[in-house]
Amino acid sequence: MPQLVHRAGSCEDGPCPNVFDVTGDGQDDLAAVQGTTETDPSMLAQVSRMPAHESLVLVPRRLLLEYADRVRAEAGNDT
């Protein structure tokens, strides 16, 4: 069963944007993003060929940078 491991964001269990690593079940190369689901048709129309099972999620850029910094720092520690 896949598990979510909190990696970035200020609320591990709250209603604010977060990024999680997905672990287990052969999904260790995935990240999950919690954010505001975009519903504006004009924005969705700009995403080419988005399948029905996908959605556009908005999160602050700083959150993605925080996640990237943590992943890079850990990758540097593995060498």
PDB file of N, CA and C in Angstrom:
ATOM      1  N   MET A   1       0.841  -1.180   0.000  1.00  0.00           N
ATOM      2  CA  MET A   1       0.000   0.000   0.000  1.00  0.00           C
ATOM      3  C   MET A   1       0.889   1.246   0.000  1.00  0.00           C
ATOM      4  N   PRO A   2       0.683   2.158  -0.931  1.00  0.00           N
ATOM      5  CA  PRO A   2       1.496   3.375  -0.975  1.00  0.00           C
ATOM      6  C   PRO A   2       1.289   4.242   0.266  1.00  0.00           C
ATOM      7  N   GLN A   3       2.344   4.909   0.679  1.00  0.00           N
ATOM      8  CA  GLN A   3       2.309   5.819   1.824  1.00  0.00           C
ATOM      9  C   GLN A   3       2.774   7.198   1.374  1.00  0.00           C
ATOM     10  N   LEU A   4       2.248   8.244   2.002  1.00  0.00           N
ATOM     11  CA  LEU A   4       2.685   9.613   1.737  1.00  0.00           C
ATOM     12  C   LEU A   4       3.617  10.056   2.857  1.00  0.00           C
ATOM     13  N   VAL A   5       4.770  10.625   2.465  1.00  0.00           N
ATOM     14  CA  VAL A   5       5.744  11.150   3.424  1.00  0.00           C
ATOM     15  C   VAL A   5       5.852  12.654   3.180  1.00  0.00           C
ATOM     16  N   HIS A   6       5.474  13.452   4.175  1.00  0.00           N
ATOM     17  CA  HIS A   6       5.498  14.913   4.041  1.00  0.00           C
ATOM     18  C   HIS A   6       6.920  15.396   3.803  1.00  0.00           C
ATOM     19  N   ARG A   7       7.103  16.215   2.766  1.00  0.00           N
ATOM     20  CA  ARG A   7       8.446  16.696   2.420  1.00  0.00           C
ATOM     21  C   ARG A   7       8.563  18.207   2.397  1.00  0.00           C
ATOM     22  N   ALA A   8       7.491  18.907   2.067  1.00  0.00           N
ATOM     23  CA  ALA A   8       7.561  20.365   1.977  1.00  0.00           C
ATOM     24  C   ALA A   8       6.179  20.945   2.236  1.00  0.00           C
ATOM     25  N   GLY A   9       6.175  22.137   2.811  1.00  0.00           N
ATOM     26  CA  GLY A   9       4.923  22.810   3.145  1.00  0.00           C
ATOM     27  C   GLY A   9       4.847  23.029   4.639  1.00  0.00           C
ATOM     28  N   SER A  10       3.952  23.905   5.032  1.00  0.00           N
ATOM     29  CA  SER A  10       3.907  24.282   6.441  1.00  0.00           C
ATOM     30  C   SER A  10       2.867  23.523   7.249  1.00  0.00           C
ATOM     31  N   CYS A  11       2.031  22.742   6.602  1.00  0.00           N
ATOM     32  CA  CYS A  11       0.974  22.022   7.323  1.00  0.00           C
ATOM     33  C   CYS A  11       0.969  20.562   6.909  1.00  0.00           C
ATOM     34  N   GLU A  12       1.434  19.697   7.775  1.00  0.00           N
ATOM     35  CA  GLU A  12       1.455  18.277   7.437  1.00  0.00           C
ATOM     36  C   GLU A  12       0.062  17.679   7.351  1.00  0.00           C
ATOM     37  N   ASP A  13      -0.851  18.137   8.191  1.00  0.00           N
ATOM     38  CA  ASP A  13      -2.189  17.559   8.214  1.00  0.00           C
ATOM     39  C   ASP A  13      -3.277  18.593   7.960  1.00  0.00           C
ATOM     40  N   GLY A  14      -2.904  19.779   7.508  1.00  0.00           N
ATOM     41  CA  GLY A  14      -3.886  20.843   7.363  1.00  0.00           C
ATOM     42  C   GLY A  14      -4.289  21.123   5.930  1.00  0.00           C
ATOM     43  N   PRO A  15      -5.118  22.128   5.765  1.00  0.00           N
ATOM     44  CA  PRO A  15      -5.648  22.454   4.446  1.00  0.00           C
ATOM     45  C   PRO A  15      -4.772  23.412   3.645  1.00  0.00           C
ATOM     46  N   CYS A  16      -3.470  23.356   3.811  1.00  0.00           N
ATOM     47  CA  CYS A  16      -2.609  24.250   3.039  1.00  0.00           C
ATOM     48  C   CYS A  16      -1.748  23.425   2.088  1.00  0.00           C
ATOM     49  N   PRO A  17      -1.125  24.081   1.104  1.00  0.00           N
ATOM     50  CA  PRO A  17      -0.332  23.343   0.108  1.00  0.00           C
ATOM     51  C   PRO A  17       0.817  22.562   0.740  1.00  0.00           C
ATOM     52  N   ASN A  18       1.016  21.351   0.259  1.00  0.00           N
ATOM     53  CA  ASN A  18       2.086  20.473   0.719  1.00  0.00           C
ATOM     54  C   ASN A  18       2.576  19.619  -0.441  1.00  0.00           C
ATOM     55  N   VAL A  19       3.787  19.102  -0.291  1.00  0.00           N
ATOM     56  CA  VAL A  19       4.325  18.123  -1.238  1.00  0.00           C
ATOM     57  C   VAL A  19       4.740  16.897  -0.438  1.00  0.00           C
ATOM     58  N   PHE A  20       4.407  15.735  -0.978  1.00  0.00           N
ATOM     59  CA  PHE A  20       4.696  14.465  -0.328  1.00  0.00           C
ATOM     60  C   PHE A  20       5.447  13.554  -1.289  1.00  0.00           C
ATOM     61  N   ASP A  21       6.354  12.739  -0.753  1.00  0.00           N
ATOM     62  CA  ASP A  21       6.902  11.638  -1.529  1.00  0.00           C
ATOM     63  C   ASP A  21       5.919  10.478  -1.411  1.00  0.00           C
ATOM     64  N   VAL A  22       5.757   9.726  -2.483  1.00  0.00           N
ATOM     65  CA  VAL A  22       4.942   8.520  -2.459  1.00  0.00           C
ATOM     66  C   VAL A  22       5.912   7.357  -2.312  1.00  0.00           C
ATOM     67  N   THR A  23       5.707   6.525  -1.315  1.00  0.00           N
ATOM     68  CA  THR A  23       6.602   5.389  -1.094  1.00  0.00           C
ATOM     69  C   THR A  23       5.808   4.095  -1.063  1.00  0.00           C
ATOM     70  N   GLY A  24       6.464   3.027  -1.473  1.00  0.00           N
ATOM     71  CA  GLY A  24       5.843   1.707  -1.465  1.00  0.00           C
ATOM     72  C   GLY A  24       5.069   1.412  -2.733  1.00  0.00           C
ATOM     73  N   ASP A  25       4.771   0.159  -2.920  1.00  0.00           N
ATOM     74  CA  ASP A  25       3.972  -0.301  -4.055  1.00  0.00           C
ATOM     75  C   ASP A  25       4.612   0.049  -5.397  1.00  0.00           C
ATOM     76  N   GLY A  26       5.956   0.142  -5.430  1.00  0.00           N
ATOM     77  CA  GLY A  26       6.648   0.450  -6.677  1.00  0.00           C
ATOM     78  C   GLY A  26       6.441   1.859  -7.180  1.00  0.00           C
ATOM     79  N   GLN A  27       6.016   2.782  -6.321  1.00  0.00           N
ATOM     80  CA  GLN A  27       5.742   4.154  -6.734  1.00  0.00           C
ATOM     81  C   GLN A  27       6.736   5.146  -6.130  1.00  0.00           C
ATOM     82  N   ASP A  28       7.926   4.688  -5.797  1.00  0.00           N
ATOM     83  CA  ASP A  28       8.904   5.518  -5.102  1.00  0.00           C
ATOM     84  C   ASP A  28       9.447   6.680  -5.931  1.00  0.00           C
ATOM     85  N   ASP A  29       9.120   6.737  -7.206  1.00  0.00           N
ATOM     86  CA  ASP A  29       9.610   7.836  -8.036  1.00  0.00           C
ATOM     87  C   ASP A  29       8.548   8.918  -8.215  1.00  0.00           C
ATOM     88  N   LEU A  30       7.470   8.895  -7.416  1.00  0.00           N
ATOM     89  CA  LEU A  30       6.382   9.861  -7.548  1.00  0.00           C
ATOM     90  C   LEU A  30       6.340  10.828  -6.377  1.00  0.00           C
ATOM     91  N   ALA A  31       5.813  12.020  -6.637  1.00  0.00           N
ATOM     92  CA  ALA A  31       5.520  12.994  -5.599  1.00  0.00           C
ATOM     93  C   ALA A  31       4.042  13.361  -5.724  1.00  0.00           C
ATOM     94  N   ALA A  32       3.399  13.609  -4.600  1.00  0.00           N
ATOM     95  CA  ALA A  32       2.005  14.043  -4.578  1.00  0.00           C
ATOM     96  C   ALA A  32       1.964  15.495  -4.130  1.00  0.00           C
ATOM     97  N   VAL A  33       1.115  16.284  -4.771  1.00  0.00           N
ATOM     98  CA  VAL A  33       1.001  17.704  -4.462  1.00  0.00           C
ATOM     99  C   VAL A  33      -0.413  18.001  -3.977  1.00  0.00           C
ATOM    100  N   GLN A  34      -0.502  18.631  -2.822  1.00  0.00           N
ATOM    101  CA  GLN A  34      -1.782  19.090  -2.282  1.00  0.00           C
ATOM    102  C   GLN A  34      -1.875  20.580  -2.537  1.00  0.00           C
ATOM    103  N   GLY A  35      -2.919  21.001  -3.202  1.00  0.00           N
ATOM    104  CA  GLY A  35      -3.094  22.417  -3.486  1.00  0.00           C
ATOM    105  C   GLY A  35      -4.514  22.700  -3.930  1.00  0.00           C
ATOM    106  N   THR A  36      -4.730  23.885  -4.414  1.00  0.00           N
ATOM    107  CA  THR A  36      -6.041  24.297  -4.883  1.00  0.00           C
ATOM    108  C   THR A  36      -6.278  23.761  -6.283  1.00  0.00           C
ATOM    109  N   THR A  37      -7.363  23.014  -6.463  1.00  0.00           N
ATOM    110  CA  THR A  37      -7.699  22.482  -7.778  1.00  0.00           C
ATOM    111  C   THR A  37      -8.229  23.619  -8.639  1.00  0.00           C
ATOM    112  N   GLU A  38      -7.598  23.831  -9.783  1.00  0.00           N
ATOM    113  CA  GLU A  38      -8.017  24.892 -10.698  1.00  0.00           C
ATOM    114  C   GLU A  38      -9.252  24.447 -11.468  1.00  0.00           C
ATOM    115  N   THR A  39     -10.257  25.306 -11.507  1.00  0.00           N
ATOM    116  CA  THR A  39     -11.495  24.996 -12.221  1.00  0.00           C
ATOM    117  C   THR A  39     -11.827  26.014 -13.303  1.00  0.00           C
ATOM    118  N   ASP A  40     -11.027  27.073 -13.423  1.00  0.00           N
ATOM    119  CA  ASP A  40     -11.280  28.116 -14.421  1.00  0.00           C
ATOM    120  C   ASP A  40     -11.119  27.535 -15.826  1.00  0.00           C
ATOM    121  N   PRO A  41     -12.197  27.500 -16.624  1.00  0.00           N
ATOM    122  CA  PRO A  41     -12.121  26.915 -17.962  1.00  0.00           C
ATOM    123  C   PRO A  41     -11.060  27.544 -18.857  1.00  0.00           C
ATOM    124  N   SER A  42     -10.822  28.852 -18.695  1.00  0.00           N
ATOM    125  CA  SER A  42      -9.823  29.508 -19.543  1.00  0.00           C
ATOM    126  C   SER A  42      -8.413  29.024 -19.212  1.00  0.00           C
ATOM    127  N   MET A  43      -8.138  28.728 -17.952  1.00  0.00           N
ATOM    128  CA  MET A  43      -6.828  28.188 -17.591  1.00  0.00           C
ATOM    129  C   MET A  43      -6.708  26.728 -18.027  1.00  0.00           C
ATOM    130  N   LEU A  44      -7.756  25.948 -17.813  1.00  0.00           N
ATOM    131  CA  LEU A  44      -7.721  24.535 -18.185  1.00  0.00           C
ATOM    132  C   LEU A  44      -7.570  24.363 -19.690  1.00  0.00           C
ATOM    133  N   ALA A  45      -8.116  25.281 -20.451  1.00  0.00           N
ATOM    134  CA  ALA A  45      -8.019  25.203 -21.914  1.00  0.00           C
ATOM    135  C   ALA A  45      -6.582  25.374 -22.396  1.00  0.00           C
ATOM    136  N   GLN A  46      -5.730  25.945 -21.556  1.00  0.00           N
ATOM    137  CA  GLN A  46      -4.332  26.169 -21.941  1.00  0.00           C
ATOM    138  C   GLN A  46      -3.454  24.938 -21.726  1.00  0.00           C
ATOM    139  N   VAL A  47      -3.997  23.928 -21.076  1.00  0.00           N
ATOM    140  CA  VAL A  47      -3.260  22.686 -20.841  1.00  0.00           C
ATOM    141  C   VAL A  47      -3.645  21.719 -21.952  1.00  0.00           C
ATOM    142  N   SER A  48      -2.689  21.385 -22.789  1.00  0.00           N
ATOM    143  CA  SER A  48      -3.015  20.558 -23.950  1.00  0.00           C
ATOM    144  C   SER A  48      -3.218  19.100 -23.566  1.00  0.00           C
ATOM    145  N   ARG A  49      -4.256  18.528 -24.071  1.00  0.00           N
ATOM    146  CA  ARG A  49      -4.569  17.104 -23.956  1.00  0.00           C
ATOM    147  C   ARG A  49      -4.482  16.552 -22.538  1.00  0.00           C
ATOM    148  N   MET A  50      -5.097  17.217 -21.593  1.00  0.00           N
ATOM    149  CA  MET A  50      -5.095  16.720 -20.224  1.00  0.00           C
ATOM    150  C   MET A  50      -6.170  15.637 -20.095  1.00  0.00           C
ATOM    151  N   PRO A  51      -5.773  14.420 -19.716  1.00  0.00           N
ATOM    152  CA  PRO A  51      -6.753  13.343 -19.556  1.00  0.00           C
ATOM    153  C   PRO A  51      -7.756  13.663 -18.441  1.00  0.00           C
ATOM    154  N   ALA A  52      -8.907  13.059 -18.506  1.00  0.00           N
ATOM    155  CA  ALA A  52      -9.969  13.307 -17.528  1.00  0.00           C
ATOM    156  C   ALA A  52      -9.559  12.924 -16.109  1.00  0.00           C
ATOM    157  N   HIS A  53      -8.625  11.983 -15.961  1.00  0.00           N
ATOM    158  CA  HIS A  53      -8.215  11.556 -14.615  1.00  0.00           C
ATOM    159  C   HIS A  53      -7.151  12.462 -13.993  1.00  0.00           C
ATOM    160  N   GLU A  54      -6.703  13.488 -14.719  1.00  0.00           N
ATOM    161  CA  GLU A  54      -5.716  14.428 -14.192  1.00  0.00           C
ATOM    162  C   GLU A  54      -6.397  15.755 -13.866  1.00  0.00           C
ATOM    163  N   SER A  55      -5.726  16.549 -13.014  1.00  0.00           N
ATOM    164  CA  SER A  55      -6.237  17.882 -12.700  1.00  0.00           C
ATOM    165  C   SER A  55      -5.069  18.853 -12.572  1.00  0.00           C
ATOM    166  N   LEU A  56      -5.375  20.109 -12.712  1.00  0.00           N
ATOM    167  CA  LEU A  56      -4.394  21.165 -12.559  1.00  0.00           C
ATOM    168  C   LEU A  56      -4.490  21.663 -11.120  1.00  0.00           C
ATOM    169  N   VAL A  57      -3.359  21.658 -10.406  1.00  0.00           N
ATOM    170  CA  VAL A  57      -3.337  22.058  -9.002  1.00  0.00           C
ATOM    171  C   VAL A  57      -2.401  23.242  -8.846  1.00  0.00           C
ATOM    172  N   LEU A  58      -2.860  24.258  -8.139  1.00  0.00           N
ATOM    173  CA  LEU A  58      -2.052  25.454  -7.921  1.00  0.00           C
ATOM    174  C   LEU A  58      -1.396  25.405  -6.551  1.00  0.00           C
ATOM    175  N   VAL A  59      -0.083  25.658  -6.530  1.00  0.00           N
ATOM    176  CA  VAL A  59       0.674  25.757  -5.286  1.00  0.00           C
ATOM    177  C   VAL A  59       1.672  26.898  -5.439  1.00  0.00           C
ATOM    178  N   PRO A  60       2.110  27.485  -4.349  1.00  0.00           N
ATOM    179  CA  PRO A  60       3.124  28.541  -4.435  1.00  0.00           C
ATOM    180  C   PRO A  60       4.442  27.987  -5.002  1.00  0.00           C
ATOM    181  N   ARG A  61       5.097  28.759  -5.828  1.00  0.00           N
ATOM    182  CA  ARG A  61       6.390  28.337  -6.399  1.00  0.00           C
ATOM    183  C   ARG A  61       7.389  27.992  -5.309  1.00  0.00           C
ATOM    184  N   ARG A  62       7.378  28.766  -4.228  1.00  0.00           N
ATOM    185  CA  ARG A  62       8.336  28.529  -3.138  1.00  0.00           C
ATOM    186  C   ARG A  62       8.201  27.121  -2.567  1.00  0.00           C
ATOM    187  N   LEU A  63       6.996  26.563  -2.614  1.00  0.00           N
ATOM    188  CA  LEU A  63       6.787  25.205  -2.121  1.00  0.00           C
ATOM    189  C   LEU A  63       7.536  24.201  -2.983  1.00  0.00           C
ATOM    190  N   LEU A  64       7.477  24.370  -4.280  1.00  0.00           N
ATOM    191  CA  LEU A  64       8.196  23.464  -5.181  1.00  0.00           C
ATOM    192  C   LEU A  64       9.703  23.620  -5.020  1.00  0.00           C
ATOM    193  N   LEU A  65      10.150  24.846  -4.814  1.00  0.00           N
ATOM    194  CA  LEU A  65      11.581  25.078  -4.594  1.00  0.00           C
ATOM    195  C   LEU A  65      12.043  24.450  -3.277  1.00  0.00           C
ATOM    196  N   GLU A  66      11.212  24.557  -2.246  1.00  0.00           N
ATOM    197  CA  GLU A  66      11.537  23.925  -0.956  1.00  0.00           C
ATOM    198  C   GLU A  66      11.681  22.415  -1.131  1.00  0.00           C
ATOM    199  N   TYR A  67      10.750  21.821  -1.857  1.00  0.00           N
ATOM    200  CA  TYR A  67      10.801  20.377  -2.108  1.00  0.00           C
ATOM    201  C   TYR A  67      12.061  20.016  -2.895  1.00  0.00           C
ATOM    202  N   ALA A  68      12.344  20.764  -3.951  1.00  0.00           N
ATOM    203  CA  ALA A  68      13.521  20.483  -4.777  1.00  0.00           C
ATOM    204  C   ALA A  68      14.803  20.605  -3.958  1.00  0.00           C
ATOM    205  N   ASP A  69      14.893  21.621  -3.114  1.00  0.00           N
ATOM    206  CA  ASP A  69      16.081  21.792  -2.272  1.00  0.00           C
ATOM    207  C   ASP A  69      16.286  20.598  -1.341  1.00  0.00           C
ATOM    208  N   ARG A  70      15.206  20.092  -0.759  1.00  0.00           N
ATOM    209  CA  ARG A  70      15.328  18.949   0.152  1.00  0.00           C
ATOM    210  C   ARG A  70      15.756  17.688  -0.590  1.00  0.00           C
ATOM    211  N   VAL A  71      15.174  17.459  -1.764  1.00  0.00           N
ATOM    212  CA  VAL A  71      15.529  16.284  -2.546  1.00  0.00           C
ATOM    213  C   VAL A  71      16.992  16.371  -2.981  1.00  0.00           C
ATOM    214  N   ARG A  72      17.431  17.543  -3.438  1.00  0.00           N
ATOM    215  CA  ARG A  72      18.829  17.717  -3.851  1.00  0.00           C
ATOM    216  C   ARG A  72      19.779  17.508  -2.685  1.00  0.00           C
ATOM    217  N   ALA A  73      19.446  18.072  -1.530  1.00  0.00           N
ATOM    218  CA  ALA A  73      20.314  17.952  -0.362  1.00  0.00           C
ATOM    219  C   ALA A  73      20.457  16.477   0.046  1.00  0.00           C
ATOM    220  N   GLU A  74      19.370  15.738   0.011  1.00  0.00           N
ATOM    221  CA  GLU A  74      19.440  14.323   0.363  1.00  0.00           C
ATOM    222  C   GLU A  74      20.195  13.522  -0.681  1.00  0.00           C
ATOM    223  N   ALA A  75      20.039  13.872  -1.938  1.00  0.00           N
ATOM    224  CA  ALA A  75      20.773  13.177  -3.005  1.00  0.00           C
ATOM    225  C   ALA A  75      22.271  13.416  -2.849  1.00  0.00           C
ATOM    226  N   GLY A  76      22.644  14.606  -2.411  1.00  0.00           N
ATOM    227  CA  GLY A  76      24.052  14.921  -2.175  1.00  0.00           C
ATOM    228  C   GLY A  76      24.616  14.158  -1.002  1.00  0.00           C
ATOM    229  N   ASN A  77      23.784  13.819  -0.048  1.00  0.00           N
ATOM    230  CA  ASN A  77      24.228  13.057   1.131  1.00  0.00           C
ATOM    231  C   ASN A  77      24.375  11.571   0.822  1.00  0.00           C
ATOM    232  N   ASP A  78      23.781  11.104  -0.280  1.00  0.00           N
ATOM    233  CA  ASP A  78      23.842   9.676  -0.632  1.00  0.00           C
ATOM    234  C   ASP A  78      25.131   9.300  -1.346  1.00  0.00           C
ATOM    235  N   THR A  79      25.922  10.288  -1.764  1.00  0.00           N
ATOM    236  CA  THR A  79      27.132   9.971  -2.505  1.00  0.00           C
ATOM    237  C   THR A  79      28.314   9.776  -1.607  1.00  0.00           C
TER     238      THR A  79
END
